[in-house]
C-alpha cells in the first residue's frame, strides 16, 4: 500500500481562493443583474441614477442602443422635462 502524503499548503490556498473568487463573482453578477433589472423596469430609479451617477445611466443607454434600437434616452428626457415644467 502506498503511504499517504499530506497535500502541500499551496494547493489548499489555491482551492480556497478559487472558491472565494467564485462566490464573489456570483454575488457581483447577481447584484449587477439586479441593478440592471431595476433600471430596465423603473423610470424613477433611472432618474435617481441620472442625478447621482450619470455615467452609469449613460452606459446603460449605450448598451441599449447597441443591442437594439432603443430610444429610451429620448423618452426619459422628455418625461423628466415635462415633470420639471409641471413643478415650475
PDB file of N, CA and C in Angstrom:
ATOM      1  N   UNK A   1       0.842  -1.167   0.000  1.00  0.00           N
ATOM      2  CA  UNK A   1       0.000   0.000   0.000  1.00  0.00           C
ATOM      3  C   UNK A   1       0.893   1.237   0.000  1.00  0.00           C
ATOM      4  N   UNK A   2       0.461   2.259  -0.760  1.00  0.00           N
ATOM      5  CA  UNK A   2       1.232   3.490  -0.841  1.00  0.00           C
ATOM      6  C   UNK A   2       0.999   4.345   0.406  1.00  0.00           C
ATOM      7  N   UNK A   3       2.053   4.934   0.890  1.00  0.00           N
ATOM      8  CA  UNK A   3       1.861   5.804   2.057  1.00  0.00           C
ATOM      9  C   UNK A   3       1.189   7.121   1.635  1.00  0.00           C
ATOM     10  N   UNK A   4       0.321   7.602   2.496  1.00  0.00           N
ATOM     11  CA  UNK A   4      -0.359   8.864   2.211  1.00  0.00           C
ATOM     12  C   UNK A   4       0.563  10.023   2.575  1.00  0.00           C
ATOM     13  N   UNK A   5       0.645  10.967   1.652  1.00  0.00           N
ATOM     14  CA  UNK A   5       1.443  12.158   1.930  1.00  0.00           C
ATOM     15  C   UNK A   5       0.501  13.349   2.019  1.00  0.00           C
ATOM     16  N   UNK A   6       0.751  14.257   2.922  1.00  0.00           N
ATOM     17  CA  UNK A   6      -0.127  15.423   3.039  1.00  0.00           C
ATOM     18  C   UNK A   6      -0.005  16.331   1.812  1.00  0.00           C
ATOM     19  N   UNK A   7      -1.110  16.954   1.458  1.00  0.00           N
ATOM     20  CA  UNK A   7      -1.091  17.883   0.331  1.00  0.00           C
ATOM     21  C   UNK A   7      -0.358  19.154   0.752  1.00  0.00           C
ATOM     22  N   UNK A   8       0.363  19.735  -0.169  1.00  0.00           N
ATOM     23  CA  UNK A   8       1.050  20.988   0.169  1.00  0.00           C
ATOM     24  C   UNK A   8       0.045  22.092   0.510  1.00  0.00           C
ATOM     25  N   UNK A   9       0.464  22.999   1.341  1.00  0.00           N
ATOM     26  CA  UNK A   9      -0.400  24.099   1.767  1.00  0.00           C
ATOM     27  C   UNK A   9      -0.751  25.007   0.590  1.00  0.00           C
ATOM     28  N   UNK A  10       0.111  25.045  -0.402  1.00  0.00           N
ATOM     29  CA  UNK A  10      -0.136  25.886  -1.569  1.00  0.00           C
ATOM     30  C   UNK A  10      -1.425  25.489  -2.271  1.00  0.00           C
ATOM     31  N   UNK A  11      -1.659  24.197  -2.463  1.00  0.00           N
ATOM     32  CA  UNK A  11      -2.861  23.735  -3.162  1.00  0.00           C
ATOM     33  C   UNK A  11      -4.115  23.996  -2.350  1.00  0.00           C
ATOM     34  N   UNK A  12      -4.016  23.916  -1.032  1.00  0.00           N
ATOM     35  CA  UNK A  12      -5.155  24.256  -0.182  1.00  0.00           C
ATOM     36  C   UNK A  12      -5.503  25.737  -0.342  1.00  0.00           C
ATOM     37  N   UNK A  13      -4.472  26.565  -0.422  1.00  0.00           N
ATOM     38  CA  UNK A  13      -4.679  28.005  -0.609  1.00  0.00           C
ATOM     39  C   UNK A  13      -5.309  28.286  -1.967  1.00  0.00           C
ATOM     40  N   UNK A  14      -4.836  27.604  -2.997  1.00  0.00           N
ATOM     41  CA  UNK A  14      -5.378  27.816  -4.344  1.00  0.00           C
ATOM     42  C   UNK A  14      -6.846  27.405  -4.400  1.00  0.00           C
ATOM     43  N   UNK A  15      -7.182  26.255  -3.854  1.00  0.00           N
ATOM     44  CA  UNK A  15      -8.567  25.790  -3.860  1.00  0.00           C
ATOM     45  C   UNK A  15      -9.470  26.717  -3.048  1.00  0.00           C
ATOM     46  N   UNK A  16      -9.008  27.139  -1.893  1.00  0.00           N
ATOM     47  CA  UNK A  16      -9.801  28.061  -1.065  1.00  0.00           C
ATOM     48  C   UNK A  16      -9.990  29.402  -1.755  1.00  0.00           C
ATOM     49  N   UNK A  17      -8.947  29.898  -2.382  1.00  0.00           N
ATOM     50  CA  UNK A  17      -9.050  31.171  -3.095  1.00  0.00           C
ATOM     51  C   UNK A  17      -9.994  31.058  -4.286  1.00  0.00           C
ATOM     52  N   UNK A  18      -9.958  29.942  -4.980  1.00  0.00           N
ATOM     53  CA  UNK A  18     -10.847  29.746  -6.123  1.00  0.00           C
ATOM     54  C   UNK A  18     -12.307  29.729  -5.669  1.00  0.00           C
ATOM     55  N   UNK A  19     -12.580  29.101  -4.541  1.00  0.00           N
ATOM     56  CA  UNK A  19     -13.953  29.079  -4.022  1.00  0.00           C
ATOM     57  C   UNK A  19     -14.426  30.481  -3.655  1.00  0.00           C
ATOM     58  N   UNK A  20     -13.563  31.231  -2.978  1.00  0.00           N
ATOM     59  CA  UNK A  20     -13.920  32.596  -2.583  1.00  0.00           C
ATOM     60  C   UNK A  20     -14.128  33.463  -3.818  1.00  0.00           C
ATOM     61  N   UNK A  21     -13.267  33.328  -4.799  1.00  0.00           N
ATOM     62  CA  UNK A  21     -13.385  34.109  -6.030  1.00  0.00           C
ATOM     63  C   UNK A  21     -14.675  33.765  -6.772  1.00  0.00           C
ATOM     64  N   UNK A  22     -15.022  32.499  -6.832  1.00  0.00           N
ATOM     65  CA  UNK A  22     -16.251  32.083  -7.497  1.00  0.00           C
ATOM     66  C   UNK A  22     -17.477  32.652  -6.792  1.00  0.00           C
ATOM     67  N   UNK A  23     -17.490  32.616  -5.480  1.00  0.00           N
ATOM     68  CA  UNK A  23     -18.622  33.149  -4.716  1.00  0.00           C
ATOM     69  C   UNK A  23     -18.716  34.656  -4.891  1.00  0.00           C
ATOM     70  N   UNK A  24     -17.580  35.358  -4.854  1.00  0.00           N
ATOM     71  CA  UNK A  24     -17.584  36.805  -5.031  1.00  0.00           C
ATOM     72  C   UNK A  24     -18.059  37.181  -6.438  1.00  0.00           C
ATOM     73  N   UNK A  25     -17.648  36.431  -7.426  1.00  0.00           N
ATOM     74  CA  UNK A  25     -18.067  36.700  -8.792  1.00  0.00           C
ATOM     75  C   UNK A  25     -19.563  36.447  -8.966  1.00  0.00           C
ATOM     76  N   UNK A  26     -20.076  35.396  -8.371  1.00  0.00           N
ATOM     77  CA  UNK A  26     -21.510  35.108  -8.451  1.00  0.00           C
ATOM     78  C   UNK A  26     -22.316  36.212  -7.766  1.00  0.00           C
ATOM     79  N   UNK A  27     -21.843  36.690  -6.632  1.00  0.00           N
ATOM     80  CA  UNK A  27     -22.514  37.782  -5.929  1.00  0.00           C
ATOM     81  C   UNK A  27     -22.490  39.060  -6.763  1.00  0.00           C
ATOM     82  N   UNK A  28     -21.348  39.381  -7.365  1.00  0.00           N
ATOM     83  CA  UNK A  28     -21.239  40.587  -8.198  1.00  0.00           C
ATOM     84  C   UNK A  28     -22.163  40.497  -9.408  1.00  0.00           C
ATOM     85  N   UNK A  29     -22.249  39.319 -10.021  1.00  0.00           N
ATOM     86  CA  UNK A  29     -23.145  39.143 -11.163  1.00  0.00           C
ATOM     87  C   UNK A  29     -24.595  39.327 -10.747  1.00  0.00           C
ATOM     88  N   UNK A  30     -24.976  38.752  -9.612  1.00  0.00           N
ATOM     89  CA  UNK A  30     -26.359  38.875  -9.133  1.00  0.00           C
ATOM     90  C   UNK A  30     -26.693  40.332  -8.812  1.00  0.00           C
ATOM     91  N   UNK A  31     -25.768  41.036  -8.195  1.00  0.00           N
ATOM     92  CA  UNK A  31     -26.009  42.437  -7.855  1.00  0.00           C
ATOM     93  C   UNK A  31     -26.113  43.293  -9.116  1.00  0.00           C
ATOM     94  N   UNK A  32     -25.240  43.060 -10.083  1.00  0.00           N
ATOM     95  CA  UNK A  32     -25.292  43.863 -11.310  1.00  0.00           C
ATOM     96  C   UNK A  32     -26.560  43.557 -12.101  1.00  0.00           C
ATOM     97  N   UNK A  33     -26.989  42.307 -12.121  1.00  0.00           N
ATOM     98  CA  UNK A  33     -28.244  41.978 -12.794  1.00  0.00           C
ATOM     99  C   UNK A  33     -29.425  42.635 -12.091  1.00  0.00           C
ATOM    100  N   UNK A  34     -29.402  42.663 -10.767  1.00  0.00           N
ATOM    101  CA  UNK A  34     -30.476  43.309 -10.018  1.00  0.00           C
ATOM    102  C   UNK A  34     -30.570  44.796 -10.329  1.00  0.00           C
ATOM    103  N   UNK A  35     -29.430  45.469 -10.409  1.00  0.00           N
ATOM    104  CA  UNK A  35     -29.432  46.890 -10.741  1.00  0.00           C
ATOM    105  C   UNK A  35     -29.910  47.089 -12.174  1.00  0.00           C
ATOM    106  N   UNK A  36     -29.448  46.243 -13.097  1.00  0.00           N
ATOM    107  CA  UNK A  36     -29.875  46.348 -14.492  1.00  0.00           C
ATOM    108  C   UNK A  36     -31.384  46.130 -14.605  1.00  0.00           C
ATOM    109  N   UNK A  37     -31.907  45.141 -13.935  1.00  0.00           N
ATOM    110  CA  UNK A  37     -33.341  44.848 -13.985  1.00  0.00           C
ATOM    111  C   UNK A  37     -34.146  46.027 -13.447  1.00  0.00           C
ATOM    112  N   UNK A  38     -33.679  46.592 -12.358  1.00  0.00           N
ATOM    113  CA  UNK A  38     -34.405  47.720 -11.768  1.00  0.00           C
ATOM    114  C   UNK A  38     -34.342  48.940 -12.681  1.00  0.00           C
ATOM    115  N   UNK A  39     -33.180  49.168 -13.319  1.00  0.00           N
ATOM    116  CA  UNK A  39     -33.076  50.281 -14.254  1.00  0.00           C
ATOM    117  C   UNK A  39     -33.953  50.050 -15.478  1.00  0.00           C
ATOM    118  N   UNK A  40     -34.111  48.813 -15.866  1.00  0.00           N
ATOM    119  CA  UNK A  40     -34.877  48.478 -17.050  1.00  0.00           C
ATOM    120  C   UNK A  40     -36.384  48.595 -16.820  1.00  0.00           C
ATOM    121  N   UNK A  41     -36.830  48.509 -15.580  1.00  0.00           N
ATOM    122  CA  UNK A  41     -38.255  48.484 -15.297  1.00  0.00           C
ATOM    123  C   UNK A  41     -38.772  49.693 -14.525  1.00  0.00           C
ATOM    124  N   UNK A  42     -37.894  50.562 -14.046  1.00  0.00           N
ATOM    125  CA  UNK A  42     -38.328  51.625 -13.162  1.00  0.00           C
ATOM    126  C   UNK A  42     -37.735  52.965 -13.611  1.00  0.00           C
ATOM    127  N   UNK A  43     -38.576  53.840 -14.167  1.00  0.00           N
ATOM    128  CA  UNK A  43     -38.106  55.143 -14.648  1.00  0.00           C
ATOM    129  C   UNK A  43     -37.647  56.028 -13.498  1.00  0.00           C
ATOM    130  N   UNK A  44     -38.310  55.938 -12.342  1.00  0.00           N
ATOM    131  CA  UNK A  44     -37.911  56.750 -11.192  1.00  0.00           C
ATOM    132  C   UNK A  44     -36.510  56.364 -10.719  1.00  0.00           C
ATOM    133  N   UNK A  45     -36.179  55.084 -10.761  1.00  0.00           N
ATOM    134  CA  UNK A  45     -34.834  54.655 -10.380  1.00  0.00           C
ATOM    135  C   UNK A  45     -33.810  55.176 -11.393  1.00  0.00           C
ATOM    136  N   UNK A  46     -34.171  55.180 -12.672  1.00  0.00           N
ATOM    137  CA  UNK A  46     -33.266  55.741 -13.689  1.00  0.00           C
ATOM    138  C   UNK A  46     -33.051  57.230 -13.432  1.00  0.00           C
ATOM    139  N   UNK A  47     -34.082  57.920 -12.996  1.00  0.00           N
ATOM    140  CA  UNK A  47     -33.936  59.344 -12.675  1.00  0.00           C
ATOM    141  C   UNK A  47     -33.000  59.524 -11.477  1.00  0.00           C
ATOM    142  N   UNK A  48     -33.143  58.689 -10.476  1.00  0.00           N
ATOM    143  CA  UNK A  48     -32.252  58.732  -9.319  1.00  0.00           C
ATOM    144  C   UNK A  48     -30.801  58.481  -9.753  1.00  0.00           C
ATOM    145  N   UNK A  49     -30.617  57.478 -10.612  1.00  0.00           N
ATOM    146  CA  UNK A  49     -29.264  57.171 -11.094  1.00  0.00           C
ATOM    147  C   UNK A  49     -28.738  58.337 -11.922  1.00  0.00           C
ATOM    148  N   UNK A  50     -29.591  58.968 -12.697  1.00  0.00           N
ATOM    149  CA  UNK A  50     -29.172  60.109 -13.505  1.00  0.00           C
ATOM    150  C   UNK A  50     -28.695  61.265 -12.635  1.00  0.00           C
ATOM    151  N   UNK A  51     -29.370  61.491 -11.519  1.00  0.00           N
ATOM    152  CA  UNK A  51     -28.979  62.586 -10.628  1.00  0.00           C
ATOM    153  C   UNK A  51     -27.698  62.283  -9.870  1.00  0.00           C
ATOM    154  N   UNK A  52     -27.489  61.024  -9.486  1.00  0.00           N
ATOM    155  CA  UNK A  52     -26.358  60.684  -8.630  1.00  0.00           C
ATOM    156  C   UNK A  52     -25.176  60.050  -9.365  1.00  0.00           C
ATOM    157  N   UNK A  53     -25.448  59.246 -10.380  1.00  0.00           N
ATOM    158  CA  UNK A  53     -24.403  58.541 -11.118  1.00  0.00           C
ATOM    159  C   UNK A  53     -24.684  58.633 -12.619  1.00  0.00           C
ATOM    160  N   UNK A  54     -24.536  59.808 -13.213  1.00  0.00           N
ATOM    161  CA  UNK A  54     -24.932  59.966 -14.620  1.00  0.00           C
ATOM    162  C   UNK A  54     -24.123  59.102 -15.586  1.00  0.00           C
ATOM    163  N   UNK A  55     -22.876  58.786 -15.251  1.00  0.00           N
ATOM    164  CA  UNK A  55     -22.064  57.946 -16.138  1.00  0.00           C
ATOM    165  C   UNK A  55     -22.622  56.528 -16.227  1.00  0.00           C
ATOM    166  N   UNK A  56     -23.222  56.027 -15.152  1.00  0.00           N
ATOM    167  CA  UNK A  56     -23.810  54.692 -15.163  1.00  0.00           C
ATOM    168  C   UNK A  56     -25.026  54.660 -16.095  1.00  0.00           C
ATOM    169  N   UNK A  57     -25.843  55.692 -16.011  1.00  0.00           N
ATOM    170  CA  UNK A  57     -27.022  55.750 -16.874  1.00  0.00           C
ATOM    171  C   UNK A  57     -26.621  55.912 -18.335  1.00  0.00           C
ATOM    172  N   UNK A  58     -25.551  56.658 -18.583  1.00  0.00           N
ATOM    173  CA  UNK A  58     -25.063  56.817 -19.957  1.00  0.00           C
ATOM    174  C   UNK A  58     -24.633  55.474 -20.527  1.00  0.00           C
ATOM    175  N   UNK A  59     -23.921  54.655 -19.756  1.00  0.00           N
ATOM    176  CA  UNK A  59     -23.525  53.315 -20.213  1.00  0.00           C
ATOM    177  C   UNK A  59     -24.748  52.419 -20.424  1.00  0.00           C
ATOM    178  N   UNK A  60     -25.739  52.553 -19.553  1.00  0.00           N
ATOM    179  CA  UNK A  60     -26.974  51.781 -19.708  1.00  0.00           C
ATOM    180  C   UNK A  60     -27.646  52.108 -21.031  1.00  0.00           C
ATOM    181  N   UNK A  61     -27.742  53.395 -21.334  1.00  0.00           N
ATOM    182  CA  UNK A  61     -28.352  53.797 -22.605  1.00  0.00           C
ATOM    183  C   UNK A  61     -27.529  53.323 -23.794  1.00  0.00           C
ATOM    184  N   UNK A  62     -26.207  53.400 -23.683  1.00  0.00           N
ATOM    185  CA  UNK A  62     -25.342  52.960 -24.789  1.00  0.00           C
ATOM    186  C   UNK A  62     -25.510  51.470 -25.064  1.00  0.00           C
ATOM    187  N   UNK A  63     -25.595  50.676 -24.024  1.00  0.00           N
ATOM    188  CA  UNK A  63     -25.799  49.234 -24.202  1.00  0.00           C
ATOM    189  C   UNK A  63     -27.139  48.982 -24.873  1.00  0.00           C
ATOM    190  N   UNK A  64     -28.163  49.693 -24.455  1.00  0.00           N
ATOM    191  CA  UNK A  64     -29.473  49.544 -25.074  1.00  0.00           C
ATOM    192  C   UNK A  64     -29.479  49.942 -26.538  1.00  0.00           C
ATOM    193  N   UNK A  65     -28.722  50.972 -26.879  1.00  0.00           N
ATOM    194  CA  UNK A  65     -28.658  51.417 -28.268  1.00  0.00           C
ATOM    195  C   UNK A  65     -27.867  50.448 -29.132  1.00  0.00           C
ATOM    196  N   UNK A  66     -26.841  49.831 -28.561  1.00  0.00           N
ATOM    197  CA  UNK A  66     -26.029  48.883 -29.329  1.00  0.00           C
ATOM    198  C   UNK A  66     -26.786  47.574 -29.543  1.00  0.00           C
ATOM    199  N   UNK A  67     -27.453  47.083 -28.518  1.00  0.00           N
ATOM    200  CA  UNK A  67     -28.144  45.798 -28.618  1.00  0.00           C
ATOM    201  C   UNK A  67     -29.452  45.883 -29.386  1.00  0.00           C
ATOM    202  N   UNK A  68     -30.076  47.031 -29.391  1.00  0.00           N
ATOM    203  CA  UNK A  68     -31.344  47.180 -30.090  1.00  0.00           C
ATOM    204  C   UNK A  68     -31.573  48.631 -30.434  1.00  0.00           C
ATOM    205  N   UNK A  69     -32.619  48.885 -31.145  1.00  0.00           N
ATOM    206  CA  UNK A  69     -32.949  50.263 -31.495  1.00  0.00           C
ATOM    207  C   UNK A  69     -33.721  50.894 -30.349  1.00  0.00           C
ATOM    208  N   UNK A  70     -33.029  51.279 -29.325  1.00  0.00           N
ATOM    209  CA  UNK A  70     -33.673  51.812 -28.131  1.00  0.00           C
ATOM    210  C   UNK A  70     -33.705  53.336 -28.189  1.00  0.00           C
ATOM    211  N   UNK A  71     -34.866  53.890 -27.985  1.00  0.00           N
ATOM    212  CA  UNK A  71     -34.998  55.340 -27.873  1.00  0.00           C
ATOM    213  C   UNK A  71     -35.393  55.722 -26.450  1.00  0.00           C
ATOM    214  N   UNK A  72     -34.976  54.924 -25.514  1.00  0.00           N
ATOM    215  CA  UNK A  72     -35.324  55.123 -24.110  1.00  0.00           C
ATOM    216  C   UNK A  72     -34.741  56.420 -23.572  1.00  0.00           C
ATOM    217  N   UNK A  73     -33.561  56.802 -24.043  1.00  0.00           N
ATOM    218  CA  UNK A  73     -32.926  58.036 -23.586  1.00  0.00           C
ATOM    219  C   UNK A  73     -33.817  59.237 -23.918  1.00  0.00           C
ATOM    220  N   UNK A  74     -34.361  59.265 -25.125  1.00  0.00           N
ATOM    221  CA  UNK A  74     -35.219  60.371 -25.549  1.00  0.00           C
ATOM    222  C   UNK A  74     -36.531  60.377 -24.765  1.00  0.00           C
ATOM    223  N   UNK A  75     -37.097  59.201 -24.555  1.00  0.00           N
ATOM    224  CA  UNK A  75     -38.353  59.117 -23.798  1.00  0.00           C
ATOM    225  C   UNK A  75     -38.169  59.589 -22.362  1.00  0.00           C
ATOM    226  N   UNK A  76     -37.090  59.131 -21.728  1.00  0.00           N
ATOM    227  CA  UNK A  76     -36.830  59.537 -20.344  1.00  0.00           C
ATOM    228  C   UNK A  76     -36.622  61.041 -20.239  1.00  0.00           C
ATOM    229  N   UNK A  77     -35.828  61.607 -21.139  1.00  0.00           N
ATOM    230  CA  UNK A  77     -35.572  63.051 -21.057  1.00  0.00           C
ATOM    231  C   UNK A  77     -36.854  63.838 -21.310  1.00  0.00           C
ATOM    232  N   UNK A  78     -37.707  63.361 -22.210  1.00  0.00           N
ATOM    233  CA  UNK A  78     -38.976  64.057 -22.458  1.00  0.00           C
ATOM    234  C   UNK A  78     -39.876  63.997 -21.226  1.00  0.00           C
ATOM    235  N   UNK A  79     -39.958  62.846 -20.599  1.00  0.00           N
ATOM    236  CA  UNK A  79     -40.791  62.709 -19.391  1.00  0.00           C
ATOM    237  C   UNK A  79     -40.243  63.566 -18.266  1.00  0.00           C
ATOM    238  N   UNK A  80     -38.934  63.576 -18.070  1.00  0.00           N
ATOM    239  CA  UNK A  80     -38.344  64.354 -16.984  1.00  0.00           C
ATOM    240  C   UNK A  80     -38.489  65.851 -17.232  1.00  0.00           C
ATOM    241  N   UNK A  81     -38.401  66.285 -18.496  1.00  0.00           N
ATOM    242  CA  UNK A  81     -38.614  67.699 -18.804  1.00  0.00           C
ATOM    243  C   UNK A  81     -40.067  68.088 -18.508  1.00  0.00           C
ATOM    244  N   UNK A  82     -41.000  67.229 -18.892  1.00  0.00           N
ATOM    245  CA  UNK A  82     -42.414  67.519 -18.630  1.00  0.00           C
ATOM    246  C   UNK A  82     -42.687  67.598 -17.137  1.00  0.00           C
ATOM    247  N   UNK A  83     -42.078  66.710 -16.363  1.00  0.00           N
ATOM    248  CA  UNK A  83     -42.261  66.747 -14.907  1.00  0.00           C
ATOM    249  C   UNK A  83     -41.677  68.021 -14.314  1.00  0.00           C
ATOM    250  N   UNK A  84     -40.527  68.448 -14.812  1.00  0.00           N
ATOM    251  CA  UNK A  84     -39.912  69.677 -14.302  1.00  0.00           C
ATOM    252  C   UNK A  84     -40.750  70.893 -14.649  1.00  0.00           C
ATOM    253  N   UNK A  85     -41.374  70.899 -15.816  1.00  0.00           N
ATOM    254  CA  UNK A  85     -42.225  72.018 -16.190  1.00  0.00           C
ATOM    255  C   UNK A  85     -43.480  72.079 -15.326  1.00  0.00           C
ATOM    256  N   UNK A  86     -44.004  70.934 -14.935  1.00  0.00           N
ATOM    257  CA  UNK A  86     -45.182  70.900 -14.060  1.00  0.00           C
ATOM    258  C   UNK A  86     -44.849  71.458 -12.686  1.00  0.00           C
ATOM    259  N   UNK A  87     -43.643  71.184 -12.213  1.00  0.00           N
ATOM    260  CA  UNK A  87     -43.238  71.638 -10.888  1.00  0.00           C
ATOM    261  C   UNK A  87     -43.040  73.156 -10.854  1.00  0.00           C
ATOM    262  N   UNK A  88     -42.631  73.710 -11.972  1.00  0.00           N
ATOM    263  CA  UNK A  88     -42.349  75.145 -12.010  1.00  0.00           C
ATOM    264  C   UNK A  88     -43.556  75.946 -12.229  1.00  0.00           C
TER     265      UNK A  88
END
